Protein backbone atom coordinates (compact mmCIF):
# COMPACT_ATOMS: atom_id res chain seq x y z
CA UNK A 1 -0.16 0.36 -0.09
CA UNK A 2 1.41 3.25 -1.32
CA UNK A 3 0.31 6.31 0.41
CA UNK A 4 -2.89 4.79 1.22
CA UNK A 5 -3.80 5.27 -2.20
CA UNK A 6 -4.08 2.00 -3.64
CA UNK A 7 -3.57 -2.24 -2.73
CA UNK A 8 -1.91 -4.43 -5.02
CA UNK A 9 -2.46 -8.03 -4.72
CA UNK A 10 -1.86 -11.05 -6.86
CA UNK A 11 -4.07 -14.17 -6.96
CA UNK A 12 -3.45 -17.85 -7.96
CA UNK A 13 -4.98 -17.44 -11.61
CA UNK A 14 -6.55 -14.91 -13.87
CA UNK A 15 -9.91 -13.83 -12.70
CA UNK A 16 -13.01 -12.21 -14.50
CA UNK A 17 -16.40 -10.31 -13.21
CA UNK A 18 -18.93 -12.70 -14.74
CA UNK A 19 -18.75 -16.61 -14.65
CA UNK A 20 -18.94 -16.68 -18.44
CA UNK A 21 -15.38 -15.25 -18.34
CA UNK A 22 -16.39 -12.45 -20.92
CA UNK A 23 -15.96 -9.45 -18.81
CA UNK A 24 -13.23 -8.18 -16.24
CA UNK A 25 -13.75 -7.33 -12.50
CA UNK A 26 -15.10 -3.99 -11.56
CA UNK A 27 -14.99 -2.07 -8.18
CA UNK A 28 -18.26 -3.33 -7.07
CA UNK A 29 -17.32 -6.85 -7.23
CA UNK A 30 -15.05 -6.26 -4.18
CA UNK A 31 -15.86 -4.89 -0.76
CA UNK A 32 -12.93 -3.33 1.72
CA UNK A 33 -13.43 -4.38 5.37
CA UNK A 34 -12.41 -1.48 7.41
CA UNK A 35 -11.02 -1.37 10.95
CA UNK A 36 -11.36 2.01 12.45
CA UNK A 37 -9.53 1.32 15.52
CA UNK A 38 -9.98 4.57 16.76
CA UNK A 39 -8.62 6.25 13.92
CA UNK A 40 -10.00 9.41 12.29
CA UNK A 41 -11.06 7.54 9.01
CA UNK A 42 -14.33 5.48 8.68
CA UNK A 43 -14.67 3.85 5.69
CA UNK A 44 -13.05 2.63 2.24
CA UNK A 45 -14.34 1.46 -1.07
CA UNK A 46 -12.62 0.11 -4.01
CA UNK A 47 -12.76 3.42 -6.47
CA UNK A 48 -11.13 1.63 -9.90
CA UNK A 49 -9.18 -0.92 -10.81
CA UNK A 50 -5.99 -1.33 -13.32
CA UNK A 51 -3.80 -4.16 -13.91
CA UNK A 52 -0.29 -4.41 -12.92
CA UNK A 53 1.06 -2.13 -15.62
CA UNK A 54 -1.62 0.73 -14.54
CA UNK A 55 -3.55 -0.28 -17.79
CA UNK A 56 -7.27 -0.87 -17.95
CA UNK A 57 -8.69 -4.38 -17.50
CA UNK A 58 -9.43 -6.70 -20.10
CA UNK A 59 -10.38 -9.71 -17.89
CA UNK A 60 -7.89 -12.80 -16.78
CA UNK A 61 -5.56 -10.52 -14.66
CA UNK A 62 -3.70 -12.69 -11.92
CA UNK A 63 -2.33 -9.21 -10.04
CA UNK A 64 -5.04 -6.02 -9.49
CA UNK A 65 -4.16 -2.58 -8.62
CA UNK A 66 -7.25 -1.40 -6.59
CA UNK A 67 -7.46 2.28 -5.83
CA UNK A 68 -8.85 3.02 -3.02
CA UNK A 69 -11.45 5.98 -1.69
CA UNK A 70 -11.03 6.69 2.01
CA UNK A 71 -13.37 8.45 3.93
CA UNK A 72 -11.29 10.73 6.40
CA UNK A 73 -7.66 11.52 6.67
CA UNK A 74 -6.07 8.32 7.94
CA UNK A 75 -4.29 8.85 11.15
CA UNK A 76 -2.09 5.76 11.20
CA UNK A 77 -4.25 3.43 13.64
CA UNK A 78 -6.80 2.02 10.76
CA UNK A 79 -6.30 -1.19 9.26
CA UNK A 80 -8.42 -2.76 6.29
CA UNK A 81 -8.24 -6.02 3.79
CA UNK A 82 -10.08 -6.45 0.41
CA UNK A 83 -12.33 -9.33 -0.03
CA UNK A 84 -14.79 -10.62 -3.02
CA UNK A 85 -18.26 -8.47 -2.56
CA UNK A 86 -19.97 -12.04 -1.97
CA UNK A 87 -19.58 -15.57 -3.26
CA UNK A 88 -20.59 -14.99 -7.03
CA UNK A 89 -18.97 -11.77 -7.80
CA UNK A 90 -15.45 -12.89 -8.51
CA UNK A 91 -14.55 -15.80 -11.06
CA UNK A 92 -11.63 -17.75 -12.48
CA UNK A 93 -11.58 -19.03 -15.97
CA UNK A 94 -13.47 -22.05 -15.15
CA UNK A 95 -16.49 -20.17 -13.63
CA UNK A 96 -15.86 -20.88 -10.16
CA UNK A 97 -16.42 -17.87 -7.62
CA UNK A 98 -13.91 -16.56 -5.24
CA UNK A 99 -15.23 -17.43 -1.75
CA UNK A 100 -15.32 -14.54 0.86
CA UNK A 101 -13.68 -16.10 3.10
CA UNK A 102 -10.21 -15.52 0.91
CA UNK A 103 -9.68 -12.10 1.44
CA UNK A 104 -6.30 -10.16 1.10
CA UNK A 105 -3.99 -9.58 4.07
CA UNK A 106 -4.84 -7.22 6.70
CA UNK A 107 -3.10 -4.06 5.88
CA UNK A 108 -2.19 -0.98 8.08
CA UNK A 109 -2.91 2.45 7.19
CA UNK A 110 -0.28 4.99 7.10
CA UNK A 111 -0.56 8.25 9.11
CA UNK A 112 -1.55 10.95 6.81
CA UNK A 113 -3.36 13.02 10.01
CA UNK A 114 -1.49 15.94 10.77
CA UNK A 115 -1.25 16.61 14.72
CA UNK A 116 -3.80 19.23 16.04
CA UNK A 117 -4.73 20.93 19.06
CA UNK A 118 -7.55 18.58 20.23
CA UNK A 119 -8.78 20.51 23.44
CA UNK A 120 -7.56 23.77 25.33
CA UNK A 121 -9.24 24.12 28.45
CA UNK A 122 -9.46 28.16 28.29
CA UNK A 123 -11.14 28.82 24.87
CA UNK A 124 -9.74 30.91 22.19
CA UNK A 125 -11.55 34.75 22.91
CA UNK A 126 -11.92 33.87 26.48
CA UNK A 127 -11.84 36.52 29.53
CA UNK A 128 -9.18 35.67 32.05
CA UNK A 129 -8.53 37.07 35.83
CA UNK A 130 -5.64 39.44 35.91
CA UNK A 131 -5.39 38.74 39.83
CA UNK A 132 -5.65 34.99 39.89
CA UNK A 133 -3.90 32.31 38.30
CA UNK A 134 -5.33 30.59 34.94
CA UNK A 135 -4.15 27.25 34.29
CA UNK A 136 -4.50 26.30 30.75
CA UNK A 137 -4.52 22.72 29.55
CA UNK A 138 -3.63 21.70 26.24
CA UNK A 139 -4.18 18.00 24.60
CA UNK A 140 -2.69 17.05 21.07
CA UNK A 141 -4.66 14.89 18.86
CA UNK A 142 -2.18 12.45 18.89
CA UNK A 143 1.29 11.52 20.42
CA UNK A 144 3.92 13.85 18.88
CA UNK A 145 7.70 13.97 19.34
CA UNK A 146 8.26 17.60 19.13
CA UNK A 147 6.54 20.91 19.58
CA UNK A 148 7.31 24.79 20.70
CA UNK A 149 5.34 27.30 22.27
CA UNK A 150 5.29 31.15 23.02
CA UNK A 151 3.47 33.21 25.44
CA UNK A 152 3.14 37.15 25.21
CA UNK A 153 1.20 39.85 25.98
CA UNK A 154 0.33 43.35 24.33
CA UNK A 155 0.91 45.52 26.84
CA UNK A 156 2.74 44.09 29.77
CA UNK A 157 6.40 43.38 29.23
CA UNK A 158 6.81 41.22 32.70
CA UNK A 159 4.37 38.06 32.02
CA UNK A 160 4.81 35.41 34.05
CA UNK A 161 3.90 31.56 34.06
CA UNK A 162 4.68 28.14 35.12
CA UNK A 163 4.99 24.96 33.07
CA UNK A 164 3.40 22.09 35.17
CA UNK A 165 3.34 19.10 32.82
CA UNK A 166 4.63 18.10 29.42
CA UNK A 167 4.10 14.99 27.71
CA UNK A 168 3.72 13.56 24.26
CA UNK A 169 -0.01 14.43 24.35
CA UNK A 170 -0.14 17.85 25.48
CA UNK A 171 1.24 20.01 28.19
CA UNK A 172 0.07 22.68 31.15
CA UNK A 173 1.02 26.03 31.68
CA UNK A 174 -0.51 28.46 34.39
CA UNK A 175 -0.66 32.20 33.85
CA UNK A 176 1.05 33.96 37.22
CA UNK A 177 -0.89 37.17 38.29
CA UNK A 178 -0.70 39.97 37.83
CA UNK A 179 -1.81 40.77 34.56
CA UNK A 180 -2.11 44.17 33.09
CA UNK A 181 -6.05 45.29 32.78
CA UNK A 182 -7.34 45.26 29.28
CA UNK A 183 -4.25 43.25 27.97
CA UNK A 184 -4.58 40.49 25.29
CA UNK A 185 -2.37 37.51 26.18
CA UNK A 186 -1.31 35.13 23.13
CA UNK A 187 -0.64 31.65 23.41
CA UNK A 188 1.29 30.39 20.18
CA UNK A 189 1.98 26.95 19.60
CA UNK A 190 4.15 26.03 16.69
CA UNK A 191 6.42 23.22 14.89
CA UNK A 192 3.80 20.44 16.36
CA UNK A 193 5.42 17.31 14.65
CA UNK A 194 3.91 13.90 15.11
CA UNK A 195 5.88 10.57 15.77
CA UNK A 196 5.52 10.17 11.43
CA UNK A 197 7.26 13.33 11.01
CA UNK A 198 3.85 15.10 9.67
CA UNK A 199 4.16 18.71 11.07
CA UNK A 200 1.00 20.86 11.70
CA UNK A 201 0.65 24.87 11.04
CA UNK A 202 1.26 26.75 13.89
CA UNK A 203 -1.78 27.32 16.42
CA UNK A 204 -2.52 30.82 18.02
CA UNK A 205 -4.98 31.36 20.75
CA UNK A 206 -5.73 34.77 22.59
CA UNK A 207 -7.22 35.54 26.05
CA UNK A 208 -8.56 38.89 27.05
CA UNK A 209 -7.97 40.44 30.68
CA UNK A 210 -11.21 42.52 31.73
CA UNK A 211 -10.74 46.01 32.59
CA UNK A 212 -10.07 46.35 36.63
CA UNK A 213 -13.09 46.85 38.48
CA UNK A 214 -15.11 44.67 35.96
CA UNK A 215 -16.35 41.59 38.20
CA UNK A 216 -17.57 38.47 37.31
CA UNK A 217 -19.73 37.71 34.71
CA UNK A 218 -17.08 39.62 32.81
CA UNK A 219 -18.93 41.80 30.08
CA UNK A 220 -16.09 44.69 29.29
CA UNK A 221 -17.65 47.51 31.45
CA UNK A 222 -17.25 49.26 34.67
CA UNK A 223 -20.84 49.70 35.99
CA UNK A 224 -23.58 49.53 38.92
CA UNK A 225 -23.15 45.38 39.04
CA UNK A 226 -19.64 46.02 39.46
CA UNK A 227 -19.94 48.88 41.91
CA UNK A 228 -22.15 46.55 44.20
CA UNK A 229 -19.77 43.60 44.01
CA UNK A 230 -17.00 45.97 44.86
CA UNK A 231 -18.64 47.80 48.08
CA UNK A 232 -19.69 44.08 49.23
CA UNK A 233 -16.37 42.91 48.90
CA UNK A 234 -15.20 46.24 50.62
CA UNK A 235 -17.80 45.99 53.46
CA UNK A 236 -17.17 42.39 54.02
CA UNK A 237 -13.06 42.61 53.69
CA UNK A 238 -13.43 39.72 51.42
CA UNK A 239 -10.01 38.69 50.00
CA UNK A 240 -8.36 42.19 49.11
CA UNK A 241 -5.27 40.49 47.74
CA UNK A 242 -7.39 38.96 44.95
CA UNK A 243 -10.86 40.86 44.46
CA UNK A 244 -9.35 44.54 45.49
CA UNK A 245 -7.94 46.71 42.62
CA UNK A 246 -5.10 48.49 44.51
CA UNK A 247 -2.76 49.74 44.41
CA UNK A 248 -1.50 49.78 40.79
CA UNK A 249 1.08 50.20 38.20
CA UNK A 250 1.50 50.42 34.67
CA UNK A 251 -0.19 52.91 32.17
CA UNK A 252 -3.64 53.93 32.39
CA UNK A 253 -6.16 52.10 31.47
CA UNK A 254 -3.76 48.98 31.42
CA UNK A 255 -3.25 49.09 34.80
CA UNK A 256 -1.27 46.49 36.51
CA UNK A 257 -3.10 45.35 39.84
CA UNK A 258 -0.45 45.16 42.91
CA UNK A 259 -2.74 43.95 45.33
CA UNK A 260 -2.09 44.44 48.96
CA UNK A 261 -4.45 43.34 51.96
CA UNK A 262 -6.51 46.09 52.55
CA UNK A 263 -9.62 47.84 51.08
CA UNK A 264 -8.57 51.73 50.83
CA UNK A 265 -8.07 54.62 49.04
CA UNK A 266 -6.09 52.78 46.41
CA UNK A 267 -8.62 50.29 45.56
CA UNK A 268 -11.27 53.25 45.48
CA UNK A 269 -9.48 55.28 43.25
CA UNK A 270 -8.82 52.54 40.75
CA UNK A 271 -12.23 51.91 40.81
CA UNK A 272 -13.49 55.54 39.81
CA UNK A 273 -10.77 55.69 37.26
CA UNK A 274 -11.77 52.43 35.47
CA UNK A 275 -15.78 53.31 35.64
CA UNK A 276 -14.88 56.88 34.02
CA UNK A 277 -12.87 55.10 31.43
CA UNK A 278 -15.84 52.67 31.12
CA UNK A 279 -18.06 55.88 30.24
CA UNK A 280 -16.01 57.19 28.07
CA UNK A 281 -15.92 54.01 26.07
CA UNK A 282 -19.42 52.78 26.33
CA UNK A 283 -21.32 56.10 27.18
CA UNK A 284 -23.48 56.79 29.86
CA UNK A 285 -26.86 55.27 28.84
CA UNK A 286 -27.88 51.83 30.42
CA UNK A 287 -30.34 49.27 29.48
CA UNK A 288 -33.85 50.06 29.59
CA UNK A 289 -35.06 48.21 32.79
CA UNK A 290 -38.81 47.08 33.04
CA UNK A 291 -40.36 48.00 36.07
CA UNK A 292 -39.33 45.56 39.11
CA UNK A 293 -39.68 45.22 42.66
CA UNK A 294 -40.30 48.45 45.00
CA UNK A 295 -42.54 51.27 43.16
CA UNK A 296 -40.72 54.41 42.96
CA UNK A 297 -42.34 57.27 41.26
CA UNK A 298 -40.34 60.58 40.03
CA UNK A 299 -43.11 62.89 39.70
CA UNK A 300 -41.97 65.00 42.38
CA UNK A 301 -38.78 65.41 41.31
CA UNK A 302 -37.32 64.05 45.03
CA UNK A 303 -36.89 59.97 45.96
CA UNK A 304 -36.02 58.97 48.97
CA UNK A 305 -33.17 55.81 48.55
CA UNK A 306 -34.31 52.29 49.55
CA UNK A 307 -32.85 51.63 53.25
CA UNK A 308 -32.13 48.24 51.77
CA UNK A 309 -30.21 49.68 49.01
CA UNK A 310 -26.40 48.96 48.76
CA UNK A 311 -25.80 50.51 45.73
CA UNK A 312 -27.81 52.03 42.75
CA UNK A 313 -27.85 53.55 39.54
CA UNK A 314 -30.02 56.73 38.34
CA UNK A 315 -29.54 57.80 34.67
CA UNK A 316 -31.32 61.06 33.36
CA UNK A 317 -31.91 61.85 29.48
CA UNK A 318 -33.34 65.29 28.58
CA UNK A 319 -33.45 67.85 25.52
CA UNK A 320 -30.39 69.95 25.79
CA UNK A 321 -31.96 72.73 23.76
CA UNK A 322 -34.37 73.39 26.55
CA UNK A 323 -31.88 73.95 29.01
CA UNK A 324 -29.92 71.84 31.80
CA UNK A 325 -31.33 69.09 34.20
CA UNK A 326 -28.94 67.62 37.09
CA UNK A 327 -29.05 65.08 39.74
CA UNK A 328 -28.25 66.04 42.73
CA UNK A 329 -27.83 63.68 45.99
CA UNK A 330 -27.89 64.26 50.05
CA UNK A 331 -27.11 62.05 53.06
CA UNK A 332 -24.65 59.53 51.81
CA UNK A 333 -21.70 60.67 53.78
CA UNK A 334 -18.17 61.20 52.96
CA UNK A 335 -16.82 57.58 53.30
CA UNK A 336 -19.37 56.32 50.45
CA UNK A 337 -18.82 56.26 46.88
CA UNK A 338 -21.05 58.73 44.89
CA UNK A 339 -20.18 58.53 41.18
CA UNK A 340 -21.45 61.34 38.59
CA UNK A 341 -20.88 62.19 35.05
CA UNK A 342 -22.69 64.89 32.79
CA UNK A 343 -22.78 65.49 29.24
CA UNK A 344 -24.52 68.26 29.03
CA UNK A 345 -24.18 69.00 25.33
CA UNK A 346 -26.07 65.57 25.05
CA UNK A 347 -28.34 65.76 27.82
CA UNK A 348 -27.45 63.15 29.96
CA UNK A 349 -26.17 62.86 33.65
CA UNK A 350 -25.35 59.19 35.42
CA UNK A 351 -25.44 59.15 38.98
CA UNK A 352 -24.35 55.87 40.58
CA UNK A 353 -23.52 55.09 44.36
CA UNK A 354 -22.05 52.34 46.45
CA UNK A 355 -22.05 52.23 50.44
CA UNK A 356 -18.93 50.58 52.13
CA UNK A 357 -20.31 52.17 55.66
CA UNK A 358 -24.07 51.42 55.19
CA UNK A 359 -26.47 53.22 57.79
CA UNK A 360 -30.19 53.87 58.23
CA UNK A 361 -29.77 57.62 57.71
CA UNK A 362 -32.53 58.78 54.75
CA UNK A 363 -30.61 59.27 51.46
CA UNK A 364 -31.94 61.56 48.92
CA UNK A 365 -31.89 61.72 45.19
CA UNK A 366 -33.20 64.96 43.74
CA UNK A 367 -33.61 66.37 39.87
CA UNK A 368 -33.06 69.91 39.73
CA UNK A 369 -33.98 71.63 36.48
CA UNK A 370 -32.86 74.74 34.78
CA UNK A 371 -35.01 74.69 31.56
CA UNK A 372 -36.45 77.71 29.97
CA UNK A 373 -39.91 76.19 29.49
CA UNK A 374 -41.98 73.05 30.37
CA UNK A 375 -40.15 69.89 29.07
CA UNK A 376 -39.74 66.08 29.47
CA UNK A 377 -37.30 64.03 30.36
CA UNK A 378 -36.24 59.92 31.00
CA UNK A 379 -35.26 58.57 34.32
CA UNK A 380 -33.45 55.15 34.14
CA UNK A 381 -32.89 53.64 37.74
CA UNK A 382 -31.80 50.61 39.60
CA UNK A 383 -31.07 49.89 43.31
CA UNK A 384 -29.17 46.79 44.52
CA UNK A 385 -29.80 44.81 48.26
CA UNK A 386 -26.75 43.25 50.11
CA UNK A 387 -27.15 39.79 48.03
CA UNK A 388 -26.72 41.79 44.70
CA UNK A 389 -30.58 41.32 43.88
CA UNK A 390 -32.55 44.15 42.57
CA UNK A 391 -34.68 46.24 44.91
CA UNK A 392 -36.19 48.09 42.49
CA UNK A 393 -35.71 49.08 38.91
CA UNK A 394 -37.59 50.70 35.90
CA UNK A 395 -37.92 53.25 33.69
CA UNK A 396 -40.04 56.79 34.23
CA UNK A 397 -40.98 59.80 32.21
CA UNK A 398 -41.43 62.63 34.01
CA UNK A 399 -42.64 66.21 33.28
CA UNK A 400 -40.68 69.20 33.93
CA UNK A 401 -43.36 71.79 34.41
CA UNK A 402 -42.71 73.28 37.56
CA UNK A 403 -38.98 75.05 37.96
CA UNK A 404 -36.49 74.16 40.79
CA UNK A 405 -35.16 77.29 40.95
CA UNK A 406 -35.62 81.28 40.27
CA UNK A 407 -34.40 81.84 36.84
CA UNK A 408 -34.35 84.82 34.44
CA UNK A 409 -33.32 83.89 31.20
CA UNK A 410 -31.50 86.32 28.33
CA UNK A 411 -34.32 88.24 26.74
CA UNK A 412 -34.76 87.20 22.76
CA UNK A 413 -33.87 88.85 20.44
CA UNK A 414 -30.99 90.54 21.64
CA UNK A 415 -30.06 93.25 20.72
CA UNK A 416 -33.13 94.06 19.47
CA UNK A 417 -35.11 96.95 17.83
CA UNK A 418 -38.44 97.87 19.64
CA UNK A 419 -39.64 94.97 21.20
CA UNK A 420 -37.74 91.51 23.06
CA UNK A 421 -39.30 89.02 24.89
CA UNK A 422 -38.47 88.43 28.82
CA UNK A 423 -38.45 84.79 30.15
CA UNK A 424 -38.20 83.93 33.79
CA UNK A 425 -39.47 80.98 36.12
CA UNK A 426 -41.01 80.79 39.57
CA UNK A 427 -40.44 77.50 41.73
CA UNK A 428 -43.15 78.51 44.23
CA UNK A 429 -45.81 81.07 45.34
CA UNK A 430 -44.65 84.42 45.70
CA UNK A 431 -44.30 88.13 44.86
CA UNK A 432 -42.45 88.69 41.47
CA UNK A 433 -41.39 92.56 40.66
CA UNK A 434 -39.68 92.62 37.36
CA UNK A 435 -38.02 96.02 36.26
CA UNK A 436 -36.05 97.26 33.50
CA UNK A 437 -33.28 99.93 34.29
CA UNK A 438 -30.98 101.91 32.01
CA UNK A 439 -27.15 102.23 32.10
CA UNK A 440 -26.96 104.96 34.80
CA UNK A 441 -29.14 102.77 37.35
CA UNK A 442 -32.41 104.59 36.25
CA UNK A 443 -35.56 102.82 36.54
CA UNK A 444 -37.21 102.88 33.28
CA UNK A 445 -40.21 100.47 33.55
CA UNK A 446 -41.75 98.20 35.76
CA UNK A 447 -43.28 95.19 33.90
CA UNK A 448 -44.63 93.22 36.99
CA UNK A 449 -45.21 93.55 40.56
CA UNK A 450 -47.61 90.78 41.54
CA UNK A 451 -47.83 87.35 43.49
CA UNK A 452 -47.00 84.56 40.95
CA UNK A 453 -47.90 80.96 40.93
CA UNK A 454 -44.97 78.26 40.28
CA UNK A 455 -44.47 78.15 36.54
CA UNK A 456 -42.67 79.65 33.49
CA UNK A 457 -43.51 83.25 32.44
CA UNK A 458 -42.91 85.69 29.38
CA UNK A 459 -43.17 88.96 28.87
CA UNK A 460 -42.70 91.39 25.65
CA UNK A 461 -41.30 94.97 26.77
CA UNK A 462 -41.36 97.48 24.01
CA UNK A 463 -38.56 100.22 23.97
CA UNK A 464 -40.08 102.48 21.70
CA UNK A 465 -39.98 105.57 23.98
CA UNK A 466 -36.42 104.18 25.18
CA UNK A 467 -33.25 105.57 23.41
CA UNK A 468 -30.59 102.93 22.03
CA UNK A 469 -28.44 101.75 24.70
CA UNK A 470 -27.44 99.21 27.37
CA UNK A 471 -30.51 98.17 29.85
CA UNK A 472 -30.62 96.05 32.73
CA UNK A 473 -33.48 93.51 33.78
CA UNK A 474 -33.90 93.06 37.17
CA UNK A 475 -35.87 90.20 38.73
CA UNK A 476 -36.42 90.18 42.58
CA UNK A 477 -38.31 87.32 44.73
CA UNK A 478 -37.85 87.30 48.38
CA UNK A 479 -34.34 86.78 48.91
CA UNK A 480 -33.44 86.08 45.21
CA UNK A 481 -32.24 89.00 42.86
CA UNK A 482 -31.24 87.95 39.07
CA UNK A 483 -30.15 90.39 36.52
CA UNK A 484 -29.89 90.15 32.64
CA UNK A 485 -28.10 92.54 30.19
CA UNK A 486 -29.86 93.82 26.71
CA UNK A 487 -29.03 95.89 24.05
CA UNK A 488 -31.62 98.06 22.26
CA UNK A 489 -30.54 99.27 18.55
CA UNK A 490 -32.81 101.46 16.84
């Protein structure tokens, strides 16, 4: 058998495919009995037949060259033999059938299957911890006589690992912490050569470390779910040398944790930095959540945080063309985490908190609007308990129809000719006085002086009787005085 391509065998006399000895044998006249023996190939058939000179058969040949069609690539374990398909498929010159009990010798197939990595315990593209040892078991598809490997990191030059086991069928190495945050670890296996001398192509596997602060299950982000785990670890002093985050070295954001036995400022600062990185990378807006748990109503723009909450997230989205809306908080204390990010131009604000020193004090989240007219906003919120379960979550659209502070907006148009509009906001029932002064401080006109209900107002002022120049608008309410400058051009 040459390269598993064909089998040459010689019979005691010439053979034919019919008892009348008028035709040669054909491939269907023979059966290949295949013994897989744990090999890769599983079946074989006779594809076509020639004589010993590789010429077509005419009948009466004693030596046959049977070319094989093998399903699968032989790995060297398989065996086969050829016999007559039945007792009446192959005949001698006297018309006697070749009995199936007289097969060829059993032949061993040659190994044509290049070796490969059969399994790896941490699959390609997996995420691995930067602070916990990661054993990687590699198993080959067959015994090999030699191979090489290399391990490298894209951002960290001091990668450490231990090779625990090396055999003919695989090896094990263990990545040693620390690894850099947001790094790519590449394991390459090359020159993988089996006993038959067949060499495989190179294999390459990549593993990724999460951003510091991204706890399992890893998602590549540092968010309120991670903050919940972090403050719980901190509060219970759980494995700071493994689950902590600081101190660190290296270049941000590829920080290398050099963990100590304490949760302290180093850990907190690392979380805050990576939280900020995550927002820059992924944006502020969380996934919209259906209403879960305790009913929370944001219509009054002030909410008490559930007393059971250990961490929470409040996201606010509004139209920045209508002004600015903000999230404020009180009662959280100085030793807990309150993280806030605003994108005023996009109309977004995110507030997250985590309590490392929880208590029964009332904690308040309030919405403050600095808008020019009635508007809508959307609140997305989540609050987590100590067991990491959701106490409350949901999405609510709120109406901002009552200002949260006195405001005197810039008049429009400005500069103006004859008539301009002056808008102002009143957050409570009170007396309002709105006056116009010239540049010398002389009162030009009182536009209103009366009791106002909470709301938004606008008045028009005609400067037909006034000269061109600079004027000032003054709003006075209780202890509040606001001014705006305007220019009249004629």
